[in-house]
Amino acid sequence: MKSIIKVFIVAAFLLLFNGLASAQAPPPPPEGGGAGGSNNQPGGGAPIGGGIGILLALGAAYGIRKVYQFNKNENE
C-alpha cells in the first residue's frame, strides 16, 4: 500500500509541475502595424488551460477513490 501511495505522490508532483517547467515567453508583437494585419488566433483565443487542469485533478481524485474502494472491498 505504501508503494502505491508513493507512486501517486510522484505522479501528482510530475503532473502539477509539468506546466511550470514547459512555459515559454509570449511571441513578439507583429511588425508593421498597418492596415490588413489582424491579431486573430486560431480557435478564437478561448481560455481552456484552467479547465483542463481542473478536469485532470478531478479525474485523478476519482481514480484514487476507486482504487481505495477496490482495495478496501478486497480486504473485507
Protein backbone atom coordinates (compact mmCIF):
# COMPACT_ATOMS: atom_id res chain seq x y z
CA MET A 1 0.00 0.00 0.00
CA LYS A 2 2.89 2.34 0.78
CA SER A 3 4.37 1.83 -2.66
CA ILE A 4 1.04 2.78 -4.28
CA ILE A 5 0.92 6.00 -2.25
CA LYS A 6 4.49 6.82 -3.31
CA VAL A 7 3.58 6.29 -6.96
CA PHE A 8 0.55 8.60 -6.63
CA ILE A 9 2.63 11.29 -4.92
CA VAL A 10 5.31 11.18 -7.63
CA ALA A 11 2.67 11.21 -10.40
CA ALA A 12 0.87 14.17 -8.82
CA PHE A 13 4.15 16.06 -8.48
CA LEU A 14 5.04 15.47 -12.12
CA LEU A 15 1.58 16.46 -13.35
CA LEU A 16 1.35 19.60 -11.25
CA PHE A 17 4.79 20.97 -12.06
CA ASN A 18 4.86 19.99 -15.72
CA GLY A 19 3.15 23.21 -16.78
CA LEU A 20 5.67 25.36 -14.94
CA ALA A 21 8.66 23.62 -16.49
CA SER A 22 7.47 23.93 -20.08
CA ALA A 23 6.42 27.60 -20.02
CA GLN A 24 7.52 29.77 -22.94
CA ALA A 25 7.77 33.51 -23.44
CA PRO A 26 4.89 35.11 -25.39
CA PRO A 27 5.53 35.72 -29.10
CA PRO A 28 6.70 39.17 -30.14
CA PRO A 29 4.11 41.63 -31.48
CA PRO A 30 3.63 41.65 -35.26
CA GLU A 31 5.74 44.14 -37.17
CA GLY A 32 4.30 46.82 -39.41
CA GLY A 33 1.12 47.62 -37.53
CA GLY A 34 -0.52 48.79 -40.77
CA ALA A 35 -3.99 48.02 -42.05
CA GLY A 36 -4.64 44.50 -43.21
CA GLY A 37 -2.93 42.79 -40.28
CA SER A 38 -5.18 41.02 -37.83
CA ASN A 39 -4.30 39.61 -34.47
CA ASN A 40 -6.79 36.72 -34.50
CA GLN A 41 -5.59 33.46 -33.02
CA PRO A 42 -6.74 30.03 -34.21
CA GLY A 43 -9.59 28.79 -32.06
CA GLY A 44 -10.65 32.30 -31.09
CA GLY A 45 -8.25 32.54 -28.15
CA ALA A 46 -10.51 30.54 -25.82
CA PRO A 47 -9.05 30.17 -22.30
CA ILE A 48 -9.09 26.40 -21.84
CA GLY A 49 -5.92 25.99 -19.75
CA GLY A 50 -7.57 26.27 -16.33
CA GLY A 51 -10.42 23.98 -17.24
CA ILE A 52 -8.11 21.22 -18.38
CA GLY A 53 -6.19 21.39 -15.11
CA ILE A 54 -9.39 21.15 -13.09
CA LEU A 55 -10.61 18.17 -15.12
CA LEU A 56 -7.28 16.38 -14.70
CA ALA A 57 -7.32 16.96 -10.93
CA LEU A 58 -10.89 15.69 -10.64
CA GLY A 59 -10.09 12.65 -12.76
CA ALA A 60 -7.06 11.83 -10.60
CA ALA A 61 -9.12 12.20 -7.42
CA TYR A 62 -11.83 9.93 -8.85
CA GLY A 63 -9.25 7.32 -9.84
CA ILE A 64 -7.62 7.40 -6.39
CA ARG A 65 -11.04 6.99 -4.77
CA LYS A 66 -11.87 3.99 -6.96
CA VAL A 67 -8.54 2.31 -6.18
CA TYR A 68 -9.08 2.93 -2.45
CA GLN A 69 -12.61 1.47 -2.61
CA PHE A 70 -11.40 -1.56 -4.57
CA ASN A 71 -8.64 -2.26 -2.07
CA LYS A 72 -11.00 -1.74 0.87
CA ASN A 73 -13.56 -4.20 -0.52
CA GLU A 74 -10.84 -6.71 -1.35
CA ASN A 75 -9.55 -6.68 2.25
CA GLU A 76 -13.00 -7.30 3.74
